[in-house]
């Protein structure tokens, strides 16, 4: 775990230390997702947020099919009934 004391500027900006940015895989000038959980600000890269969302959705996908295959099958079944 890496920990650093950082200062909140009067305009609300924070500078994330270079070592943290590197370990988080944050691109220079790139987007960051910020979440507030129980009074703590959680920062993560967009790539990490996407992987976490995919893992969440994967829990509900059937084992035999991909989500895309299931959607295509559902759409075809709906079109057959029109």
PDB file of N, CA and C in Angstrom:
ATOM      1  N   UNK A   1       0.843  -1.179   0.000  1.00  0.00           N
ATOM      2  CA  UNK A   1       0.000   0.000   0.000  1.00  0.00           C
ATOM      3  C   UNK A   1       0.885   1.239   0.000  1.00  0.00           C
ATOM      4  N   UNK A   2       0.512   2.189  -0.783  1.00  0.00           N
ATOM      5  CA  UNK A   2       1.229   3.455  -0.847  1.00  0.00           C
ATOM      6  C   UNK A   2       0.328   4.525  -0.258  1.00  0.00           C
ATOM      7  N   UNK A   3       0.854   5.342   0.620  1.00  0.00           N
ATOM      8  CA  UNK A   3       0.077   6.400   1.253  1.00  0.00           C
ATOM      9  C   UNK A   3       0.857   7.691   1.158  1.00  0.00           C
ATOM     10  N   UNK A   4       0.151   8.800   0.941  1.00  0.00           N
ATOM     11  CA  UNK A   4       0.813  10.100   0.869  1.00  0.00           C
ATOM     12  C   UNK A   4      -0.101  11.152   1.474  1.00  0.00           C
ATOM     13  N   UNK A   5       0.493  12.134   2.081  1.00  0.00           N
ATOM     14  CA  UNK A   5      -0.263  13.296   2.552  1.00  0.00           C
ATOM     15  C   UNK A   5      -0.258  14.323   1.431  1.00  0.00           C
ATOM     16  N   UNK A   6      -1.445  14.732   1.027  1.00  0.00           N
ATOM     17  CA  UNK A   6      -1.553  15.730  -0.034  1.00  0.00           C
ATOM     18  C   UNK A   6      -2.413  16.883   0.476  1.00  0.00           C
ATOM     19  N   UNK A   7      -2.273  18.029  -0.151  1.00  0.00           N
ATOM     20  CA  UNK A   7      -2.971  19.227   0.297  1.00  0.00           C
ATOM     21  C   UNK A   7      -4.062  19.602  -0.694  1.00  0.00           C
ATOM     22  N   UNK A   8      -5.221  19.916  -0.149  1.00  0.00           N
ATOM     23  CA  UNK A   8      -6.338  20.386  -0.958  1.00  0.00           C
ATOM     24  C   UNK A   8      -6.141  21.878  -1.196  1.00  0.00           C
ATOM     25  N   UNK A   9      -6.047  22.273  -2.452  1.00  0.00           N
ATOM     26  CA  UNK A   9      -5.867  23.685  -2.784  1.00  0.00           C
ATOM     27  C   UNK A   9      -7.165  24.444  -2.514  1.00  0.00           C
ATOM     28  N   UNK A  10      -7.071  25.745  -2.418  1.00  0.00           N
ATOM     29  CA  UNK A  10      -8.240  26.578  -2.122  1.00  0.00           C
ATOM     30  C   UNK A  10      -9.317  26.468  -3.209  1.00  0.00           C
ATOM     31  N   UNK A  11      -8.908  26.096  -4.417  1.00  0.00           N
ATOM     32  CA  UNK A  11      -9.883  25.942  -5.509  1.00  0.00           C
ATOM     33  C   UNK A  11     -10.441  24.509  -5.581  1.00  0.00           C
ATOM     34  N   UNK A  12     -10.069  23.653  -4.603  1.00  0.00           N
ATOM     35  CA  UNK A  12     -10.604  22.293  -4.551  1.00  0.00           C
ATOM     36  C   UNK A  12      -9.785  21.262  -5.291  1.00  0.00           C
ATOM     37  N   UNK A  13      -8.669  21.646  -5.862  1.00  0.00           N
ATOM     38  CA  UNK A  13      -7.845  20.702  -6.624  1.00  0.00           C
ATOM     39  C   UNK A  13      -6.872  19.937  -5.736  1.00  0.00           C
ATOM     40  N   UNK A  14      -6.643  18.696  -6.164  1.00  0.00           N
ATOM     41  CA  UNK A  14      -5.658  17.835  -5.515  1.00  0.00           C
ATOM     42  C   UNK A  14      -4.638  17.407  -6.556  1.00  0.00           C
ATOM     43  N   UNK A  15      -3.400  17.237  -6.135  1.00  0.00           N
ATOM     44  CA  UNK A  15      -2.397  16.670  -7.018  1.00  0.00           C
ATOM     45  C   UNK A  15      -2.114  15.263  -6.512  1.00  0.00           C
ATOM     46  N   UNK A  16      -2.389  14.277  -7.371  1.00  0.00           N
ATOM     47  CA  UNK A  16      -2.106  12.886  -7.033  1.00  0.00           C
ATOM     48  C   UNK A  16      -0.623  12.653  -7.321  1.00  0.00           C
ATOM     49  N   UNK A  17       0.127  12.191  -6.344  1.00  0.00           N
ATOM     50  CA  UNK A  17       1.565  11.980  -6.567  1.00  0.00           C
ATOM     51  C   UNK A  17       1.834  11.062  -7.756  1.00  0.00           C
ATOM     52  N   UNK A  18       2.944  11.308  -8.432  1.00  0.00           N
ATOM     53  CA  UNK A  18       3.303  10.564  -9.643  1.00  0.00           C
ATOM     54  C   UNK A  18       3.349   9.054  -9.397  1.00  0.00           C
ATOM     55  N   UNK A  19       3.897   8.634  -8.261  1.00  0.00           N
ATOM     56  CA  UNK A  19       3.980   7.194  -7.975  1.00  0.00           C
ATOM     57  C   UNK A  19       2.583   6.574  -7.893  1.00  0.00           C
ATOM     58  N   UNK A  20       1.640   7.286  -7.273  1.00  0.00           N
ATOM     59  CA  UNK A  20       0.258   6.780  -7.199  1.00  0.00           C
ATOM     60  C   UNK A  20      -0.367   6.703  -8.583  1.00  0.00           C
ATOM     61  N   UNK A  21      -0.189   7.763  -9.365  1.00  0.00           N
ATOM     62  CA  UNK A  21      -0.756   7.763 -10.721  1.00  0.00           C
ATOM     63  C   UNK A  21      -0.207   6.607 -11.527  1.00  0.00           C
ATOM     64  N   UNK A  22       1.092   6.354 -11.393  1.00  0.00           N
ATOM     65  CA  UNK A  22       1.709   5.256 -12.140  1.00  0.00           C
ATOM     66  C   UNK A  22       1.146   3.911 -11.690  1.00  0.00           C
ATOM     67  N   UNK A  23       1.038   3.716 -10.377  1.00  0.00           N
ATOM     68  CA  UNK A  23       0.521   2.440  -9.868  1.00  0.00           C
ATOM     69  C   UNK A  23      -0.952   2.245 -10.207  1.00  0.00           C
ATOM     70  N   UNK A  24      -1.700   3.345 -10.355  1.00  0.00           N
ATOM     71  CA  UNK A  24      -3.116   3.266 -10.723  1.00  0.00           C
ATOM     72  C   UNK A  24      -3.293   3.112 -12.229  1.00  0.00           C
ATOM     73  N   UNK A  25      -2.231   3.324 -12.990  1.00  0.00           N
ATOM     74  CA  UNK A  25      -2.329   3.234 -14.440  1.00  0.00           C
ATOM     75  C   UNK A  25      -3.086   4.403 -15.046  1.00  0.00           C
ATOM     76  N   UNK A  26      -2.967   5.567 -14.413  1.00  0.00           N
ATOM     77  CA  UNK A  26      -3.682   6.741 -14.915  1.00  0.00           C
ATOM     78  C   UNK A  26      -2.888   7.429 -16.008  1.00  0.00           C
ATOM     79  N   UNK A  27      -3.516   7.646 -17.149  1.00  0.00           N
ATOM     80  CA  UNK A  27      -2.825   8.375 -18.213  1.00  0.00           C
ATOM     81  C   UNK A  27      -2.719   9.849 -17.839  1.00  0.00           C
ATOM     82  N   UNK A  28      -1.678  10.495 -18.317  1.00  0.00           N
ATOM     83  CA  UNK A  28      -1.499  11.914 -18.029  1.00  0.00           C
ATOM     84  C   UNK A  28      -2.619  12.700 -18.699  1.00  0.00           C
ATOM     85  N   UNK A  29      -3.366  13.452 -17.931  1.00  0.00           N
ATOM     86  CA  UNK A  29      -4.456  14.261 -18.482  1.00  0.00           C
ATOM     87  C   UNK A  29      -5.686  13.452 -18.845  1.00  0.00           C
ATOM     88  N   UNK A  30      -5.728  12.190 -18.439  1.00  0.00           N
ATOM     89  CA  UNK A  30      -6.860  11.330 -18.792  1.00  0.00           C
ATOM     90  C   UNK A  30      -7.975  11.370 -17.763  1.00  0.00           C
ATOM     91  N   UNK A  31      -9.098  10.746 -18.091  1.00  0.00           N
ATOM     92  CA  UNK A  31     -10.249  10.754 -17.191  1.00  0.00           C
ATOM     93  C   UNK A  31     -10.034   9.824 -15.990  1.00  0.00           C
ATOM     94  N   UNK A  32     -10.661  10.198 -14.888  1.00  0.00           N
ATOM     95  CA  UNK A  32     -10.626   9.430 -13.649  1.00  0.00           C
ATOM     96  C   UNK A  32     -12.051   9.359 -13.117  1.00  0.00           C
ATOM     97  N   UNK A  33     -12.437   8.222 -12.591  1.00  0.00           N
ATOM     98  CA  UNK A  33     -13.748   8.070 -11.969  1.00  0.00           C
ATOM     99  C   UNK A  33     -13.587   8.359 -10.481  1.00  0.00           C
ATOM    100  N   UNK A  34     -14.437   9.210  -9.923  1.00  0.00           N
ATOM    101  CA  UNK A  34     -14.419   9.521  -8.493  1.00  0.00           C
ATOM    102  C   UNK A  34     -15.757   9.111  -7.895  1.00  0.00           C
ATOM    103  N   UNK A  35     -15.694   8.355  -6.790  1.00  0.00           N
ATOM    104  CA  UNK A  35     -16.912   7.939  -6.082  1.00  0.00           C
ATOM    105  C   UNK A  35     -16.773   8.342  -4.621  1.00  0.00           C
ATOM    106  N   UNK A  36     -17.876   8.719  -4.000  1.00  0.00           N
ATOM    107  CA  UNK A  36     -17.889   9.035  -2.587  1.00  0.00           C
ATOM    108  C   UNK A  36     -18.581   7.897  -1.858  1.00  0.00           C
ATOM    109  N   UNK A  37     -17.855   7.195  -0.995  1.00  0.00           N
ATOM    110  CA  UNK A  37     -18.390   6.058  -0.252  1.00  0.00           C
ATOM    111  C   UNK A  37     -18.089   6.269   1.221  1.00  0.00           C
ATOM    112  N   UNK A  38     -19.150   6.383   2.010  1.00  0.00           N
ATOM    113  CA  UNK A  38     -19.002   6.565   3.460  1.00  0.00           C
ATOM    114  C   UNK A  38     -18.023   7.680   3.811  1.00  0.00           C
ATOM    115  N   UNK A  39     -18.095   8.782   3.099  1.00  0.00           N
ATOM    116  CA  UNK A  39     -17.249   9.927   3.393  1.00  0.00           C
ATOM    117  C   UNK A  39     -15.845   9.851   2.837  1.00  0.00           C
ATOM    118  N   UNK A  40     -15.511   8.767   2.134  1.00  0.00           N
ATOM    119  CA  UNK A  40     -14.184   8.623   1.535  1.00  0.00           C
ATOM    120  C   UNK A  40     -14.290   8.770   0.028  1.00  0.00           C
ATOM    121  N   UNK A  41     -13.364   9.507  -0.558  1.00  0.00           N
ATOM    122  CA  UNK A  41     -13.324   9.661  -2.013  1.00  0.00           C
ATOM    123  C   UNK A  41     -12.472   8.527  -2.575  1.00  0.00           C
ATOM    124  N   UNK A  42     -13.053   7.768  -3.496  1.00  0.00           N
ATOM    125  CA  UNK A  42     -12.359   6.659  -4.153  1.00  0.00           C
ATOM    126  C   UNK A  42     -12.085   7.082  -5.592  1.00  0.00           C
ATOM    127  N   UNK A  43     -10.831   7.039  -5.995  1.00  0.00           N
ATOM    128  CA  UNK A  43     -10.455   7.373  -7.368  1.00  0.00           C
ATOM    129  C   UNK A  43     -10.009   6.106  -8.070  1.00  0.00           C
ATOM    130  N   UNK A  44     -10.443   5.938  -9.323  1.00  0.00           N
ATOM    131  CA  UNK A  44      -9.992   4.785 -10.106  1.00  0.00           C
ATOM    132  C   UNK A  44      -9.958   5.151 -11.575  1.00  0.00           C
ATOM    133  N   UNK A  45      -9.133   4.431 -12.302  1.00  0.00           N
ATOM    134  CA  UNK A  45      -9.035   4.659 -13.741  1.00  0.00           C
ATOM    135  C   UNK A  45     -10.317   4.181 -14.410  1.00  0.00           C
ATOM    136  N   UNK A  46     -10.586   4.719 -15.573  1.00  0.00           N
ATOM    137  CA  UNK A  46     -11.764   4.286 -16.330  1.00  0.00           C
ATOM    138  C   UNK A  46     -11.641   2.798 -16.676  1.00  0.00           C
ATOM    139  N   UNK A  47     -10.434   2.354 -17.037  1.00  0.00           N
ATOM    140  CA  UNK A  47     -10.223   0.936 -17.364  1.00  0.00           C
ATOM    141  C   UNK A  47     -10.598   0.038 -16.192  1.00  0.00           C
ATOM    142  N   UNK A  48     -10.187   0.415 -14.990  1.00  0.00           N
ATOM    143  CA  UNK A  48     -10.520  -0.383 -13.812  1.00  0.00           C
ATOM    144  C   UNK A  48     -12.028  -0.369 -13.562  1.00  0.00           C
ATOM    145  N   UNK A  49     -12.661   0.778 -13.724  1.00  0.00           N
ATOM    146  CA  UNK A  49     -14.113   0.875 -13.525  1.00  0.00           C
ATOM    147  C   UNK A  49     -14.856  -0.015 -14.527  1.00  0.00           C
ATOM    148  N   UNK A  50     -14.386  -0.039 -15.765  1.00  0.00           N
ATOM    149  CA  UNK A  50     -15.007  -0.891 -16.791  1.00  0.00           C
ATOM    150  C   UNK A  50     -14.838  -2.367 -16.430  1.00  0.00           C
ATOM    151  N   UNK A  51     -13.630  -2.753 -16.014  1.00  0.00           N
ATOM    152  CA  UNK A  51     -13.404  -4.153 -15.622  1.00  0.00           C
ATOM    153  C   UNK A  51     -14.279  -4.551 -14.439  1.00  0.00           C
ATOM    154  N   UNK A  52     -14.454  -3.631 -13.470  1.00  0.00           N
ATOM    155  CA  UNK A  52     -15.319  -3.938 -12.328  1.00  0.00           C
ATOM    156  C   UNK A  52     -16.772  -4.084 -12.765  1.00  0.00           C
ATOM    157  N   UNK A  53     -17.229  -3.234 -13.683  1.00  0.00           N
ATOM    158  CA  UNK A  53     -18.593  -3.331 -14.195  1.00  0.00           C
ATOM    159  C   UNK A  53     -18.787  -4.633 -14.972  1.00  0.00           C
ATOM    160  N   UNK A  54     -17.812  -5.002 -15.779  1.00  0.00           N
ATOM    161  CA  UNK A  54     -17.901  -6.260 -16.533  1.00  0.00           C
ATOM    162  C   UNK A  54     -17.977  -7.455 -15.590  1.00  0.00           C
ATOM    163  N   UNK A  55     -17.199  -7.442 -14.523  1.00  0.00           N
ATOM    164  CA  UNK A  55     -17.232  -8.541 -13.558  1.00  0.00           C
ATOM    165  C   UNK A  55     -18.591  -8.616 -12.876  1.00  0.00           C
ATOM    166  N   UNK A  56     -19.185  -7.472 -12.601  1.00  0.00           N
ATOM    167  CA  UNK A  56     -20.511  -7.439 -11.987  1.00  0.00           C
ATOM    168  C   UNK A  56     -21.558  -8.031 -12.919  1.00  0.00           C
ATOM    169  N   UNK A  57     -21.528  -7.641 -14.181  1.00  0.00           N
ATOM    170  CA  UNK A  57     -22.490  -8.152 -15.169  1.00  0.00           C
ATOM    171  C   UNK A  57     -22.259  -9.641 -15.423  1.00  0.00           C
ATOM    172  N   UNK A  58     -21.003 -10.053 -15.442  1.00  0.00           N
ATOM    173  CA  UNK A  58     -20.655 -11.447 -15.692  1.00  0.00           C
ATOM    174  C   UNK A  58     -21.314 -12.388 -14.685  1.00  0.00           C
ATOM    175  N   UNK A  59     -21.562 -11.915 -13.471  1.00  0.00           N
ATOM    176  CA  UNK A  59     -22.222 -12.735 -12.451  1.00  0.00           C
ATOM    177  C   UNK A  59     -23.607 -13.184 -12.889  1.00  0.00           C
ATOM    178  N   UNK A  60     -24.275 -12.374 -13.693  1.00  0.00           N
ATOM    179  CA  UNK A  60     -25.652 -12.634 -14.084  1.00  0.00           C
ATOM    180  C   UNK A  60     -25.780 -13.256 -15.470  1.00  0.00           C
ATOM    181  N   UNK A  61     -24.679 -13.406 -16.175  1.00  0.00           N
ATOM    182  CA  UNK A  61     -24.699 -14.011 -17.503  1.00  0.00           C
ATOM    183  C   UNK A  61     -24.757 -15.533 -17.361  1.00  0.00           C
ATOM    184  N   UNK A  62     -25.425 -16.165 -18.307  1.00  0.00           N
ATOM    185  CA  UNK A  62     -25.459 -17.623 -18.284  1.00  0.00           C
ATOM    186  C   UNK A  62     -24.080 -18.154 -18.650  1.00  0.00           C
ATOM    187  N   UNK A  63     -23.756 -19.301 -18.146  1.00  0.00           N
ATOM    188  CA  UNK A  63     -22.431 -19.878 -18.362  1.00  0.00           C
ATOM    189  C   UNK A  63     -22.225 -20.280 -19.817  1.00  0.00           C
ATOM    190  N   UNK A  64     -23.270 -20.804 -20.436  1.00  0.00           N
ATOM    191  CA  UNK A  64     -23.139 -21.346 -21.788  1.00  0.00           C
ATOM    192  C   UNK A  64     -23.034 -20.259 -22.861  1.00  0.00           C
ATOM    193  N   UNK A  65     -23.618 -19.112 -22.617  1.00  0.00           N
ATOM    194  CA  UNK A  65     -23.692 -18.078 -23.645  1.00  0.00           C
ATOM    195  C   UNK A  65     -22.992 -16.800 -23.207  1.00  0.00           C
ATOM    196  N   UNK A  66     -22.588 -16.039 -24.192  1.00  0.00           N
ATOM    197  CA  UNK A  66     -22.110 -14.697 -23.892  1.00  0.00           C
ATOM    198  C   UNK A  66     -23.338 -13.793 -23.811  1.00  0.00           C
ATOM    199  N   UNK A  67     -23.193 -12.649 -23.206  1.00  0.00           N
ATOM    200  CA  UNK A  67     -24.303 -11.700 -23.102  1.00  0.00           C
ATOM    201  C   UNK A  67     -24.761 -11.280 -24.490  1.00  0.00           C
ATOM    202  N   UNK A  68     -23.813 -11.092 -25.412  1.00  0.00           N
ATOM    203  CA  UNK A  68     -24.164 -10.691 -26.776  1.00  0.00           C
ATOM    204  C   UNK A  68     -24.979 -11.780 -27.472  1.00  0.00           C
ATOM    205  N   UNK A  69     -24.568 -13.042 -27.326  1.00  0.00           N
ATOM    206  CA  UNK A  69     -25.314 -14.142 -27.945  1.00  0.00           C
ATOM    207  C   UNK A  69     -26.729 -14.224 -27.380  1.00  0.00           C
ATOM    208  N   UNK A  70     -26.850 -14.024 -26.085  1.00  0.00           N
ATOM    209  CA  UNK A  70     -28.170 -14.072 -25.454  1.00  0.00           C
ATOM    210  C   UNK A  70     -29.055 -12.937 -25.962  1.00  0.00           C
ATOM    211  N   UNK A  71     -28.491 -11.748 -26.113  1.00  0.00           N
ATOM    212  CA  UNK A  71     -29.250 -10.609 -26.624  1.00  0.00           C
ATOM    213  C   UNK A  71     -29.692 -10.853 -28.058  1.00  0.00           C
ATOM    214  N   UNK A  72     -28.814 -11.352 -28.894  1.00  0.00           N
ATOM    215  CA  UNK A  72     -29.159 -11.645 -30.290  1.00  0.00           C
ATOM    216  C   UNK A  72     -30.286 -12.669 -30.357  1.00  0.00           C
ATOM    217  N   UNK A  73     -30.194 -13.716 -29.549  1.00  0.00           N
ATOM    218  CA  UNK A  73     -31.240 -14.744 -29.529  1.00  0.00           C
ATOM    219  C   UNK A  73     -32.580 -14.151 -29.084  1.00  0.00           C
ATOM    220  N   UNK A  74     -32.569 -13.318 -28.065  1.00  0.00           N
ATOM    221  CA  UNK A  74     -33.802 -12.678 -27.585  1.00  0.00           C
ATOM    222  C   UNK A  74     -34.408 -11.772 -28.644  1.00  0.00           C
ATOM    223  N   UNK A  75     -33.574 -11.017 -29.332  1.00  0.00           N
ATOM    224  CA  UNK A  75     -34.079 -10.092 -30.378  1.00  0.00           C
ATOM    225  C   UNK A  75     -34.677 -10.870 -31.549  1.00  0.00           C
ATOM    226  N   UNK A  76     -34.034 -11.970 -31.922  1.00  0.00           N
ATOM    227  CA  UNK A  76     -34.563 -12.789 -33.013  1.00  0.00           C
ATOM    228  C   UNK A  76     -35.886 -13.424 -32.622  1.00  0.00           C
ATOM    229  N   UNK A  77     -35.987 -13.878 -31.379  1.00  0.00           N
ATOM    230  CA  UNK A  77     -37.246 -14.470 -30.907  1.00  0.00           C
ATOM    231  C   UNK A  77     -38.346 -13.424 -30.905  1.00  0.00           C
ATOM    232  N   UNK A  78     -38.041 -12.206 -30.497  1.00  0.00           N
ATOM    233  CA  UNK A  78     -39.039 -11.138 -30.483  1.00  0.00           C
ATOM    234  C   UNK A  78     -39.466 -10.782 -31.896  1.00  0.00           C
ATOM    235  N   UNK A  79     -38.523 -10.764 -32.835  1.00  0.00           N
ATOM    236  CA  UNK A  79     -38.849 -10.445 -34.225  1.00  0.00           C
ATOM    237  C   UNK A  79     -39.724 -11.524 -34.846  1.00  0.00           C
ATOM    238  N   UNK A  80     -39.528 -12.771 -34.474  1.00  0.00           N
ATOM    239  CA  UNK A  80     -40.353 -13.877 -34.984  1.00  0.00           C
ATOM    240  C   UNK A  80     -41.797 -13.772 -34.528  1.00  0.00           C
ATOM    241  N   UNK A  81     -42.033 -13.116 -33.400  1.00  0.00           N
ATOM    242  CA  UNK A  81     -43.388 -13.011 -32.853  1.00  0.00           C
ATOM    243  C   UNK A  81     -44.112 -11.767 -33.319  1.00  0.00           C
ATOM    244  N   UNK A  82     -43.476 -10.945 -34.113  1.00  0.00           N
ATOM    245  CA  UNK A  82     -44.123  -9.714 -34.606  1.00  0.00           C
ATOM    246  C   UNK A  82     -44.901  -9.960 -35.854  1.00  0.00           C
TER     247      UNK A  82
END
